[in-house]
Amino acid sequence: MPDGTIIPKGQPPVWRAALFGLCPECGAKTLFDGPVQFHAKCEACGLDYGRYNVGDGPAAFLTLIIGALLVALALALDAAVQPPLWVHVVLWMPLTAAAVVYGLRVAKGALLASEHQRQAAEGRQVDEPRD
């Protein structure tokens, strides 16, 4: 979708659909059926979420990026106050899990909303007339 295109009324922008789990068609909060599992379709407008191929591509990137950031924070904390090991375990393990799950939720929502707004579909070979 070019930058100047107006989003039709009722359709949330990609960032809002991703952050709040909104249907990219009608804006209802029906995108997710669990932490990162999509509903089969929107309960409000009937949009079929199964036709979009989001996959688990964002998972590896998010895990690596979030892992690098949290390791840097853990090293900084350790250098600053040198807490015992159990403090690191209690602090960083749940924070890592929560950050990865929420990050994956946002990334998958953004990909689905982006595919919907750009009307992405699988490529098809077009038969050209031969002379």
Foldseek 3Di string as FASTA:
>chain_A
DDPPDDDDPQADPLQVCLLQVADRPRGHNQQAPDLAHGDQARPPPGHGLVQDDLPQVVLVVQLVVLVVVLVVVVVVVCVPPNDDPVVCVVPPPVVSVVSSSSVNSSSSSSRSSVCVVVVDHDDDDDDDDDD
